[in-house]
Amino acid sequence: MHRYFLIIIAFSVLSCSGLNKYQNLPEVKAWEADIKQFEQLDKTENYLKEAIIFAGSSSIRLWSSLSSDMAPYPVIQRGYGGAKLSDLAVYAERIISPHPCKAIVLFIANDITGSDADKSPEEVARLFRVLIKTIRRSHPETPLFWIAVTPTKSRWAAWPEVQKANKLIRSICEKLPNTFFISTDFAFLDNAGKPMDELFGPDSLHLSEKGYTIWSELIKKELEKVIEPEKVEIIAHRGASFIAPENTIASANLAWKYGADAVEADIYLSKDNKIMVIHDSNTRRTSGNDYIVKETASDILRKLDVGSFKDEKYRGERIPFLEEIINTTPPDKELVIEIKCGSEILPYLKDMISTNEKGKKFVFISFDFNVISEAKKVFQEYPCYWLCSNAELLQKNILLIKAAGLEGISLNYNIIDSKIASQARLLNLELFTWTVDNPDEARRLISLGVRGITTNRPGWLYEQIYQN
């Protein structure tokens, strides 16, 4: 910590008096309304502490796909108009200090544009130092990344001066701890050393979709060198059910093979009070034979083939007893048990878990609020989550969830938006989602702060999110 204190002392020669000539400039004061909008958002939104703040000029503001492009890193977007270093240095404390965060990414490109009002590269570098000093008051050790000004056709005449400023700022970053410079010019220039048209919009200044894609790759590459992204839990929906028959031993084993963090299994109580792993209340869809689970003895249910409906190679797969699925579960993994019937199953479920809980991790979920509330009373030591796919019903019950002792909610991905995610954080509710097989949708949900994603394709989805 001492070295950061020394750095702040070293910056003291660039005291706030260095900003006096900028603070009252009309071009700086013009952004007051924008900054107040950010402050209002800070009052109404509840941001993730693991988020990365992106602040700066219009290239940040116009980055509509920032959240999905940066996933699995969650973000806070704070771009405004034609920001310059002179005004960001003035407003940085109000923009950044309210937020605990994992990193800060900055981009400003309007101080040197080719106009008579341009700052010199040396003045830009000096303002950069003042900006860093301001940020380090509230975030002394947070990794800070500066995106180099990108070469553009509309400001090509000013590029030599921009390069000088980039070089000076890079030199500053290299001398400061936890301060990083992200080069961009090499990715935006063609073989002739000129900006590539397809990477910019019609104004030849702001990035096109392709340009933002390149930015994303460059920035994430640098972030990954410093910050390990928070990984969400990948939960195999009824096992690896995209390939193997759902809710079978084969499906569970395949999910573990693909590296799933957890397997979700659905349970009903049979006529003879055995806990059966099956999604539907009857056997018609998966076996072709129509038996109602609660009205049928387990020995009859166990004779049914529930594998060949998926693929002939799985012929002979049986409806498992819950104990059989528990036995597939590795010690470091989790079994998510969805209670599909009523609370009459709970005494038998308690006995089953008590007999098999050594070295195992369990989670309980249900769509029935009363059932999962009762389950929490029985399984106080294990997490319990209420399942919901209806936004109105969610709002009706959301204040009751904590009172019931539940740890959180597991929602259909279609109803999760920033408002619901923020509401869950405000109420200190863990947020999970189902059933997601689309990587882009998974990235959106991760950016909102979901803790776990239930998917039919656990191995594949993990690769798409974290390895592509």
Protein backbone atom coordinates (compact mmCIF):
# COMPACT_ATOMS: atom_id res chain seq x y z
CA MET A 1 0.00 0.00 0.00
CA HIS A 2 2.94 2.33 0.69
CA ARG A 3 3.97 2.47 -2.96
CA TYR A 4 0.50 3.73 -3.93
CA PHE A 5 0.76 6.42 -1.27
CA LEU A 6 4.11 7.47 -2.70
CA ILE A 7 2.62 7.63 -6.17
CA ILE A 8 -0.12 9.92 -4.93
CA ILE A 9 2.51 12.11 -3.28
CA ALA A 10 4.47 12.15 -6.53
CA PHE A 11 1.36 13.34 -8.32
CA SER A 12 0.86 16.17 -5.85
CA VAL A 13 2.80 18.55 -8.06
CA LEU A 14 -0.16 18.21 -10.38
CA SER A 15 -2.57 19.46 -7.75
CA CYS A 16 -6.18 20.34 -8.40
CA SER A 17 -5.00 23.83 -9.22
CA GLY A 18 -3.86 22.31 -12.50
CA LEU A 19 -7.53 21.90 -13.39
CA ASN A 20 -8.59 25.40 -12.42
CA LYS A 21 -8.32 26.71 -15.96
CA TYR A 22 -10.58 23.90 -17.20
CA GLN A 23 -13.25 23.68 -14.49
CA ASN A 24 -15.13 26.80 -15.51
CA LEU A 25 -14.71 26.53 -19.26
CA PRO A 26 -18.11 26.49 -21.03
CA GLU A 27 -17.04 23.38 -23.02
CA VAL A 28 -16.41 21.55 -19.71
CA LYS A 29 -19.49 22.83 -17.88
CA ALA A 30 -21.59 21.80 -20.90
CA TRP A 31 -21.31 18.18 -19.74
CA GLU A 32 -22.81 18.82 -16.30
CA ALA A 33 -26.23 17.46 -17.35
CA ASP A 34 -24.65 14.23 -18.61
CA ILE A 35 -22.73 13.75 -15.39
CA LYS A 36 -25.90 14.32 -13.36
CA GLN A 37 -27.59 11.59 -15.41
CA PHE A 38 -24.80 9.20 -14.41
CA GLU A 39 -25.26 10.20 -10.77
CA GLN A 40 -28.98 9.51 -11.05
CA LEU A 41 -28.24 6.06 -12.46
CA ASP A 42 -25.94 5.45 -9.50
CA LYS A 43 -28.92 6.07 -7.21
CA THR A 44 -31.38 3.83 -9.04
CA GLU A 45 -29.16 0.99 -10.32
CA ASN A 46 -27.33 -1.57 -8.21
CA TYR A 47 -24.15 -2.46 -10.09
CA LEU A 48 -21.99 -5.53 -9.70
CA LYS A 49 -18.85 -5.07 -7.63
CA GLU A 50 -17.06 -7.26 -10.19
CA ALA A 51 -17.96 -4.88 -13.03
CA ILE A 52 -15.50 -3.08 -15.28
CA ILE A 53 -16.13 0.64 -15.77
CA PHE A 54 -15.84 1.88 -19.35
CA ALA A 55 -15.65 5.67 -19.34
CA GLY A 56 -14.78 8.28 -21.94
CA SER A 57 -16.01 9.86 -25.11
CA SER A 58 -18.64 9.01 -27.73
CA SER A 59 -16.95 5.81 -28.88
CA ILE A 60 -17.78 4.45 -25.41
CA ARG A 61 -21.25 6.00 -25.39
CA LEU A 62 -22.16 4.59 -28.82
CA TRP A 63 -20.89 1.09 -28.07
CA SER A 64 -24.37 -0.50 -28.01
CA SER A 65 -23.05 -4.05 -27.78
CA LEU A 66 -20.54 -3.32 -25.00
CA SER A 67 -22.17 -5.62 -22.44
CA SER A 68 -22.35 -8.64 -24.72
CA ASP A 69 -18.96 -7.92 -26.35
CA MET A 70 -17.23 -7.86 -22.96
CA ALA A 71 -18.97 -10.87 -21.42
CA PRO A 72 -18.15 -12.72 -19.28
CA TYR A 73 -16.90 -9.42 -17.79
CA PRO A 74 -19.87 -7.34 -16.52
CA VAL A 75 -19.62 -3.63 -17.35
CA ILE A 76 -20.72 -0.16 -16.29
CA GLN A 77 -20.95 2.15 -19.32
CA ARG A 78 -20.08 5.81 -18.79
CA GLY A 79 -19.45 7.43 -22.15
CA TYR A 80 -20.58 10.94 -23.01
CA GLY A 81 -20.57 12.98 -26.21
CA GLY A 82 -17.33 14.56 -27.33
CA ALA A 83 -15.48 14.15 -24.06
CA LYS A 84 -11.95 15.44 -23.71
CA LEU A 85 -9.30 14.73 -21.13
CA SER A 86 -9.79 18.24 -19.79
CA ASP A 87 -13.39 17.51 -18.76
CA LEU A 88 -12.96 13.84 -17.84
CA ALA A 89 -10.21 14.91 -15.42
CA VAL A 90 -12.70 17.34 -13.88
CA TYR A 91 -15.58 14.85 -13.67
CA ALA A 92 -13.69 11.59 -13.05
CA GLU A 93 -14.31 11.58 -9.31
CA ARG A 94 -18.08 11.89 -9.79
CA ILE A 95 -18.14 9.27 -12.55
CA ILE A 96 -15.86 6.60 -11.10
CA SER A 97 -15.48 6.98 -7.32
CA PRO A 98 -19.01 5.70 -6.45
CA HIS A 99 -18.23 2.28 -7.94
CA PRO A 100 -16.26 -0.60 -6.45
CA CYS A 101 -15.06 -2.36 -9.59
CA LYS A 102 -12.69 -4.97 -10.99
CA ALA A 103 -11.06 -2.61 -13.51
CA ILE A 104 -11.37 0.76 -15.25
CA VAL A 105 -11.11 1.19 -19.02
CA LEU A 106 -10.78 4.70 -20.47
CA PHE A 107 -10.91 6.13 -23.99
CA ILE A 108 -10.72 9.82 -24.97
CA ALA A 109 -10.02 10.93 -28.52
CA ASN A 110 -11.07 14.57 -28.84
CA ASP A 111 -8.12 16.57 -27.49
CA ILE A 112 -6.19 16.43 -30.77
CA THR A 113 -8.44 16.57 -33.84
CA GLY A 114 -6.67 18.84 -36.32
CA SER A 115 -8.35 22.06 -35.17
CA ASP A 116 -6.82 25.30 -33.93
CA ALA A 117 -8.12 24.50 -30.42
CA ASP A 118 -6.07 21.31 -30.15
CA LYS A 119 -4.01 20.63 -27.08
CA SER A 120 -0.36 19.77 -27.49
CA PRO A 121 0.72 16.13 -26.91
CA GLU A 122 2.52 17.35 -23.78
CA GLU A 123 -0.65 18.94 -22.38
CA VAL A 124 -2.60 15.78 -23.13
CA ALA A 125 0.00 13.77 -21.22
CA ARG A 126 -0.15 16.19 -18.30
CA LEU A 127 -3.94 15.93 -18.14
CA PHE A 128 -3.66 12.15 -18.27
CA ARG A 129 -1.47 12.28 -15.15
CA VAL A 130 -4.04 14.49 -13.40
CA LEU A 131 -6.80 12.07 -14.40
CA ILE A 132 -4.87 9.11 -12.98
CA LYS A 133 -4.23 11.01 -9.76
CA THR A 134 -7.95 11.70 -9.36
CA ILE A 135 -8.92 8.09 -9.99
CA ARG A 136 -6.27 6.73 -7.64
CA ARG A 137 -7.80 8.61 -4.70
CA SER A 138 -10.81 6.28 -4.74
CA HIS A 139 -9.29 3.29 -6.57
CA PRO A 140 -5.62 3.13 -5.52
CA GLU A 141 -4.98 -0.43 -6.70
CA THR A 142 -7.68 -1.09 -9.31
CA PRO A 143 -6.23 -2.09 -12.71
CA LEU A 144 -6.64 0.82 -15.11
CA PHE A 145 -6.49 0.46 -18.90
CA TRP A 146 -6.09 3.28 -21.40
CA ILE A 147 -7.20 2.59 -24.97
CA ALA A 148 -4.87 4.36 -27.38
CA VAL A 149 -6.47 6.87 -29.70
CA THR A 150 -7.31 4.97 -32.88
CA PRO A 151 -6.27 6.35 -36.29
CA THR A 152 -9.25 7.62 -38.31
CA LYS A 153 -9.64 8.98 -41.83
CA SER A 154 -11.57 12.07 -40.70
CA ARG A 155 -8.68 13.13 -38.44
CA TRP A 156 -5.83 11.72 -40.45
CA ALA A 157 -4.09 15.10 -40.72
CA ALA A 158 -3.72 15.14 -36.90
CA TRP A 159 -2.41 11.58 -36.70
CA PRO A 160 1.29 12.55 -36.23
CA GLU A 161 0.37 14.63 -33.15
CA VAL A 162 -1.96 11.89 -31.88
CA GLN A 163 0.89 9.40 -32.18
CA LYS A 164 3.10 11.66 -30.05
CA ALA A 165 0.38 11.85 -27.38
CA ASN A 166 -0.11 8.07 -27.51
CA LYS A 167 3.63 7.57 -27.07
CA LEU A 168 3.78 9.91 -24.06
CA ILE A 169 0.79 8.25 -22.37
CA ARG A 170 2.19 4.81 -23.05
CA SER A 171 5.42 5.84 -21.34
CA ILE A 172 3.47 7.05 -18.30
CA CYS A 173 1.48 3.78 -18.12
CA GLU A 174 4.64 1.69 -18.27
CA LYS A 175 6.02 3.47 -15.21
CA LEU A 176 2.92 3.18 -13.03
CA PRO A 177 1.70 0.06 -11.23
CA ASN A 178 -1.59 -1.46 -12.39
CA THR A 179 -1.82 0.98 -15.29
CA PHE A 180 -1.93 -0.45 -18.80
CA PHE A 181 -1.81 0.93 -22.34
CA ILE A 182 -3.83 -0.84 -25.07
CA SER A 183 -2.40 -0.27 -28.56
CA THR A 184 -4.89 -0.16 -31.42
CA ASP A 185 -3.24 1.42 -34.46
CA PHE A 186 -1.76 -1.80 -35.90
CA ALA A 187 -5.24 -3.36 -36.13
CA PHE A 188 -6.88 -0.40 -37.89
CA LEU A 189 -4.30 0.41 -40.59
CA ASP A 190 -4.07 -1.33 -43.96
CA ASN A 191 -0.89 -2.41 -45.74
CA ALA A 192 -0.42 1.15 -46.99
CA GLY A 193 -0.58 2.46 -43.42
CA LYS A 194 -4.00 4.10 -43.84
CA PRO A 195 -7.20 3.60 -41.78
CA MET A 196 -9.41 0.79 -43.15
CA ASP A 197 -12.77 2.18 -44.27
CA GLU A 198 -14.82 -0.87 -43.25
CA LEU A 199 -13.82 -0.44 -39.61
CA PHE A 200 -15.52 2.96 -39.36
CA GLY A 201 -19.01 4.35 -39.79
CA PRO A 202 -20.21 6.88 -42.39
CA ASP A 203 -18.51 9.75 -40.53
CA SER A 204 -15.10 8.01 -40.88
CA LEU A 205 -14.62 8.71 -37.18
CA HIS A 206 -16.68 6.37 -35.04
CA LEU A 207 -16.28 2.63 -35.22
CA SER A 208 -18.43 0.34 -37.30
CA GLU A 209 -19.65 -3.01 -36.00
CA LYS A 210 -16.47 -4.60 -37.37
CA GLY A 211 -14.41 -1.91 -35.70
CA TYR A 212 -16.00 -2.60 -32.34
CA THR A 213 -15.37 -6.32 -32.84
CA ILE A 214 -11.66 -5.61 -33.22
CA TRP A 215 -11.69 -3.29 -30.22
CA SER A 216 -13.39 -6.02 -28.18
CA GLU A 217 -10.72 -8.56 -29.09
CA LEU A 218 -7.87 -6.19 -28.27
CA ILE A 219 -9.34 -5.04 -24.97
CA LYS A 220 -10.37 -8.49 -23.73
CA LYS A 221 -6.93 -9.85 -24.60
CA GLU A 222 -5.34 -7.24 -22.32
CA LEU A 223 -7.94 -7.68 -19.59
CA GLU A 224 -7.34 -11.42 -19.53
CA LYS A 225 -3.65 -10.85 -18.81
CA VAL A 226 -4.56 -9.10 -15.57
CA ILE A 227 -8.08 -10.13 -14.53
CA GLU A 228 -9.52 -13.61 -14.34
CA PRO A 229 -13.19 -13.36 -15.37
CA GLU A 230 -15.75 -14.53 -12.83
CA LYS A 231 -17.07 -17.84 -14.12
CA VAL A 232 -20.75 -18.66 -13.81
CA GLU A 233 -21.90 -22.10 -12.77
CA ILE A 234 -22.80 -24.29 -15.74
CA ILE A 235 -25.73 -26.54 -14.82
CA ALA A 236 -26.63 -29.46 -17.09
CA HIS A 237 -30.38 -29.41 -17.72
CA ARG A 238 -31.63 -32.92 -16.95
CA GLY A 239 -28.03 -33.91 -17.63
CA ALA A 240 -26.43 -33.43 -21.05
CA SER A 241 -29.90 -33.71 -22.56
CA PHE A 242 -29.02 -32.26 -25.96
CA ILE A 243 -27.21 -35.51 -26.71
CA ALA A 244 -28.38 -38.14 -24.20
CA PRO A 245 -31.92 -38.95 -23.01
CA GLU A 246 -32.95 -36.52 -20.29
CA ASN A 247 -32.97 -37.45 -16.61
CA THR A 248 -31.06 -40.70 -17.10
CA ILE A 249 -27.84 -42.05 -15.70
CA ALA A 250 -26.34 -41.79 -19.20
CA SER A 251 -27.27 -38.10 -19.38
CA ALA A 252 -25.84 -37.36 -15.93
CA ASN A 253 -22.57 -39.18 -16.63
CA LEU A 254 -22.16 -37.38 -19.95
CA ALA A 255 -22.69 -34.01 -18.23
CA TRP A 256 -19.94 -34.79 -15.71
CA LYS A 257 -17.69 -35.91 -18.57
CA TYR A 258 -18.25 -32.54 -20.29
CA GLY A 259 -17.24 -30.66 -17.15
CA ALA A 260 -20.61 -29.44 -15.91
CA ASP A 261 -20.50 -27.81 -12.47
CA ALA A 262 -23.88 -29.27 -11.62
CA VAL A 263 -26.59 -31.56 -12.95
CA GLU A 264 -30.27 -30.70 -12.62
CA ALA A 265 -32.65 -33.62 -12.04
CA ASP A 266 -36.47 -33.60 -11.79
CA ILE A 267 -38.21 -35.76 -9.21
CA TYR A 268 -41.66 -37.24 -8.55
CA LEU A 269 -42.90 -39.66 -5.90
CA SER A 270 -44.18 -43.01 -7.15
CA LYS A 271 -47.21 -44.85 -5.76
CA ASP A 272 -44.93 -46.89 -3.47
CA ASN A 273 -43.11 -43.75 -2.26
CA LYS A 274 -39.92 -44.12 -4.28
CA ILE A 275 -38.27 -40.95 -5.59
CA MET A 276 -38.17 -41.21 -9.39
CA VAL A 277 -36.11 -38.98 -11.67
CA ILE A 278 -38.44 -37.84 -14.45
CA HIS A 279 -39.64 -34.46 -15.74
CA ASP A 280 -43.25 -35.18 -16.72
CA SER A 281 -46.03 -36.36 -14.43
CA ASN A 282 -46.59 -39.26 -16.83
CA THR A 283 -44.29 -41.46 -18.89
CA ARG A 284 -45.86 -41.02 -22.33
CA ARG A 285 -43.35 -38.61 -23.91
CA THR A 286 -40.16 -40.43 -22.97
CA SER A 287 -41.32 -44.07 -23.00
CA GLY A 288 -44.34 -44.24 -25.31
CA ASN A 289 -46.29 -45.88 -22.47
CA ASP A 290 -48.82 -43.82 -20.57
CA TYR A 291 -48.37 -44.23 -16.82
CA ILE A 292 -49.04 -41.52 -14.25
CA VAL A 293 -46.00 -41.55 -11.98
CA LYS A 294 -47.76 -40.96 -8.66
CA GLU A 295 -50.31 -43.72 -9.46
CA THR A 296 -47.75 -46.30 -10.57
CA ALA A 297 -45.43 -48.54 -8.55
CA SER A 298 -41.73 -48.07 -9.09
CA ASP A 299 -41.14 -51.63 -10.32
CA ILE A 300 -43.47 -50.97 -13.24
CA LEU A 301 -41.90 -47.59 -13.97
CA ARG A 302 -38.44 -49.15 -13.91
CA LYS A 303 -39.31 -51.58 -16.70
CA LEU A 304 -39.89 -48.74 -19.19
CA ASP A 305 -37.33 -47.83 -21.84
CA VAL A 306 -36.75 -44.03 -21.65
CA GLY A 307 -33.62 -43.95 -23.82
CA SER A 308 -34.52 -45.00 -27.33
CA PHE A 309 -36.85 -42.02 -27.86
CA LYS A 310 -33.67 -39.95 -28.03
CA ASP A 311 -31.39 -42.34 -29.89
CA GLU A 312 -31.41 -46.09 -30.51
CA LYS A 313 -28.00 -46.40 -28.89
CA TYR A 314 -29.60 -45.44 -25.58
CA ARG A 315 -32.20 -48.20 -25.70
CA GLY A 316 -32.56 -49.79 -22.29
CA GLU A 317 -32.04 -46.64 -20.22
CA ARG A 318 -34.43 -46.71 -17.27
CA ILE A 319 -36.10 -44.09 -15.11
CA PRO A 320 -33.51 -43.72 -12.34
CA PHE A 321 -34.11 -43.66 -8.64
CA LEU A 322 -32.78 -40.38 -7.24
CA GLU A 323 -30.17 -42.33 -5.30
CA GLU A 324 -28.65 -43.55 -8.58
CA ILE A 325 -28.21 -39.98 -9.85
CA ILE A 326 -26.72 -38.98 -6.50
CA ASN A 327 -24.19 -41.80 -6.87
CA THR A 328 -23.00 -40.39 -10.22
CA THR A 329 -22.22 -37.00 -8.65
CA PRO A 330 -18.50 -36.30 -8.04
CA PRO A 331 -17.61 -34.89 -4.58
CA ASP A 332 -16.71 -31.45 -5.94
CA LYS A 333 -19.88 -31.13 -8.03
CA GLU A 334 -23.48 -30.22 -7.25
CA LEU A 335 -26.81 -31.96 -7.77
CA VAL A 336 -29.71 -29.58 -8.34
CA ILE A 337 -32.96 -31.33 -7.44
CA GLU A 338 -36.17 -29.90 -8.89
CA ILE A 339 -39.23 -30.96 -6.92
CA LYS A 340 -41.97 -31.42 -9.55
CA CYS A 341 -44.68 -32.70 -7.20
CA GLY A 342 -46.04 -31.47 -3.88
CA SER A 343 -44.57 -31.36 -0.39
CA GLU A 344 -45.65 -34.96 0.25
CA ILE A 345 -42.25 -35.98 -1.15
CA LEU A 346 -40.26 -34.06 1.46
CA PRO A 347 -40.10 -36.67 4.26
CA TYR A 348 -38.84 -39.30 1.79
CA LEU A 349 -36.45 -36.79 0.23
CA LYS A 350 -35.08 -35.91 3.66
CA ASP A 351 -34.35 -39.57 4.37
CA MET A 352 -32.72 -39.99 0.97
CA ILE A 353 -30.45 -36.98 1.42
CA SER A 354 -29.55 -37.93 5.02
CA THR A 355 -28.45 -41.35 3.82
CA ASN A 356 -26.41 -40.05 0.87
CA GLU A 357 -25.23 -36.56 1.85
CA LYS A 358 -21.67 -37.40 2.93
CA GLY A 359 -19.30 -35.59 0.57
CA LYS A 360 -22.17 -34.39 -1.64
CA LYS A 361 -23.56 -30.95 -2.49
CA PHE A 362 -27.29 -30.44 -3.01
CA VAL A 363 -29.50 -27.58 -4.19
CA PHE A 364 -33.30 -27.63 -4.19
CA ILE A 365 -35.59 -25.80 -6.62
CA SER A 366 -39.33 -25.70 -7.35
CA PHE A 367 -41.90 -23.67 -9.27
CA ASP A 368 -44.29 -24.04 -6.34
CA PHE A 369 -43.49 -21.27 -3.86
CA ASN A 370 -45.11 -23.11 -0.97
CA VAL A 371 -43.23 -26.33 -1.76
CA ILE A 372 -39.81 -24.67 -1.95
CA SER A 373 -40.59 -22.72 1.25
CA GLU A 374 -41.38 -26.01 3.00
CA ALA A 375 -38.25 -27.58 1.48
CA LYS A 376 -36.13 -24.80 3.00
CA LYS A 377 -37.47 -25.66 6.45
CA VAL A 378 -36.46 -29.28 5.90
CA PHE A 379 -33.09 -28.56 4.24
CA GLN A 380 -31.84 -25.53 6.14
CA GLU A 381 -28.21 -26.34 5.38
CA TYR A 382 -28.72 -26.44 1.60
CA PRO A 383 -29.51 -23.61 -0.87
CA CYS A 384 -33.11 -23.40 -2.06
CA TYR A 385 -34.33 -21.34 -5.03
CA TRP A 386 -37.75 -20.49 -6.35
CA LEU A 387 -38.29 -21.09 -10.07
CA CYS A 388 -40.34 -18.56 -12.02
CA SER A 389 -41.08 -17.78 -15.66
CA ASN A 390 -43.72 -15.06 -15.17
CA ALA A 391 -42.57 -11.49 -14.57
CA GLU A 392 -45.83 -10.43 -12.87
CA LEU A 393 -45.77 -13.41 -10.52
CA LEU A 394 -42.12 -12.66 -9.74
CA GLN A 395 -42.96 -9.11 -8.66
CA LYS A 396 -45.86 -10.39 -6.58
CA ASN A 397 -43.64 -12.78 -4.61
CA ILE A 398 -40.18 -11.21 -4.73
CA LEU A 399 -40.40 -9.57 -1.30
CA LEU A 400 -41.52 -12.89 0.22
CA ILE A 401 -38.46 -14.81 -0.94
CA LYS A 402 -36.10 -13.66 1.80
CA ALA A 403 -38.82 -14.06 4.41
CA ALA A 404 -39.09 -17.70 3.35
CA GLY A 405 -35.34 -18.11 3.92
CA LEU A 406 -34.61 -18.82 0.27
CA GLU A 407 -31.18 -17.97 -1.11
CA GLY A 408 -32.45 -16.68 -4.43
CA ILE A 409 -34.37 -17.19 -7.65
CA SER A 410 -33.94 -19.14 -10.86
CA LEU A 411 -35.72 -17.44 -13.75
CA ASN A 412 -36.52 -18.17 -17.35
CA TYR A 413 -33.97 -16.18 -19.34
CA ASN A 414 -36.75 -14.40 -21.26
CA ILE A 415 -37.83 -12.36 -18.23
CA ILE A 416 -34.37 -11.36 -17.01
CA ASP A 417 -33.42 -7.77 -17.80
CA SER A 418 -31.26 -5.15 -16.11
CA LYS A 419 -34.13 -4.04 -13.88
CA ILE A 420 -34.77 -7.54 -12.49
CA ALA A 421 -31.04 -8.22 -12.12
CA SER A 422 -30.58 -4.96 -10.21
CA GLN A 423 -33.61 -5.73 -8.07
CA ALA A 424 -32.19 -9.14 -7.17
CA ARG A 425 -28.86 -7.57 -6.14
CA LEU A 426 -30.64 -4.94 -4.06
CA LEU A 427 -32.53 -7.69 -2.20
CA ASN A 428 -29.34 -9.77 -1.90
CA LEU A 429 -30.91 -12.64 -3.88
CA GLU A 430 -28.72 -14.96 -5.92
CA LEU A 431 -29.86 -15.07 -9.56
CA PHE A 432 -29.83 -18.18 -11.75
CA THR A 433 -31.38 -18.80 -15.15
CA TRP A 434 -32.67 -21.55 -17.49
CA THR A 435 -32.62 -22.99 -20.18
CA VAL A 436 -29.95 -21.31 -22.32
CA ASP A 437 -28.24 -22.91 -25.32
CA ASN A 438 -27.39 -19.68 -27.18
CA PRO A 439 -23.91 -18.23 -26.41
CA ASP A 440 -24.97 -14.65 -27.14
CA GLU A 441 -27.89 -14.95 -24.75
CA ALA A 442 -25.59 -16.53 -22.17
CA ARG A 443 -23.19 -13.59 -22.48
CA ARG A 444 -26.06 -11.13 -22.03
CA LEU A 445 -27.17 -12.89 -18.88
CA ILE A 446 -23.63 -13.08 -17.52
CA SER A 447 -23.24 -9.35 -18.08
CA LEU A 448 -26.33 -8.85 -15.90
CA GLY A 449 -24.77 -10.84 -13.08
CA VAL A 450 -26.44 -14.27 -13.15
CA ARG A 451 -24.56 -16.79 -10.97
CA GLY A 452 -25.48 -19.89 -12.92
CA ILE A 453 -26.86 -20.95 -16.28
CA THR A 454 -28.83 -24.13 -16.87
CA THR A 455 -28.25 -25.54 -20.36
CA ASN A 456 -28.85 -28.67 -22.41
CA ARG A 457 -25.31 -28.36 -23.80
CA PRO A 458 -22.94 -27.85 -20.83
CA GLY A 459 -19.56 -28.60 -22.45
CA TRP A 460 -20.32 -26.79 -25.70
CA LEU A 461 -21.75 -23.69 -24.04
CA TYR A 462 -18.76 -23.39 -21.70
CA GLU A 463 -16.39 -23.50 -24.68
CA GLN A 464 -18.40 -20.84 -26.54
CA ILE A 465 -18.37 -18.46 -23.58
CA TYR A 466 -14.88 -18.91 -22.19
CA GLN A 467 -12.71 -20.38 -24.94
CA ASN A 468 -13.88 -18.63 -28.14
